[in-house]
Amino acid sequence: MDVLVKNEKRSTTNPAMWVDQYGDNLFRYALSRLRDADAAEEVVQQTFLAGLEHVDQFSGQGSEQGWLLGILKRKIVDLIRARNRTVALNDGESGDSLDRMFDHNGNWRKNTHCTSMQPLDSIDREEFWPILRRCLDGLPTNQADAFTLREMDKLGTQEICKELAISPSNLWVLLHRARLRLANCMKHRWHHDHA
């Protein structure tokens, strides 16, 4: 009985309609994770190709879009891993806003900690997400990727470290720097946009 249902669902798969039915949603998802339209388009194309190659593996137990989204997530992680192989871990670190936040001993400068780390109460407001996206665009790629995989895709430390080929301490540093920069950027943009 299960085999009949599985075969019936699989027969309803129509790869010729994937681009029209799922292309926009998959592209938006990829763009939100990669912050690069060309890269997002590339991984969506790779997703459709992988789906075509392995259409016989679609069990029919979930939605076709969900199955393609699973492939897309894998392609995004593959692209991030490949991209991070070419990006030095310390890109863009010198002379940035972090230098203004810490003294030469690595301690918080006076008043920086209490004003930079105020929690944002705007997460439910519609202005929050566009500002977050712009701030993510301004992060070094390795920091943005680490933050996205942890906070948006909810991957665990081991999985992120494996995919990015970094140690847990490197991940901690990337996330720490990303969070500080995002907090600083969000605060600045929020006040600038609402001034």
Foldseek 3Di string as FASTA:
>chain_A
DLVVLQVVLLVPDDLVCCCVPQVVVQLVVLCLQQVDNVLSNVLLVVLSVVCVVVSVVPRSPDDPNVVSSVSSVVSSLLVLQVVLVPDDLCPPPPPDCVPVQADPVRHGDPPSVVVLPDDDPCPVPPVQVVQLSVLLVVDPSNLSNLCCCCPVVVDDQVVSCVSNVHDSVSSVVSPVVSVSSSSVSSVVVVVVVVD
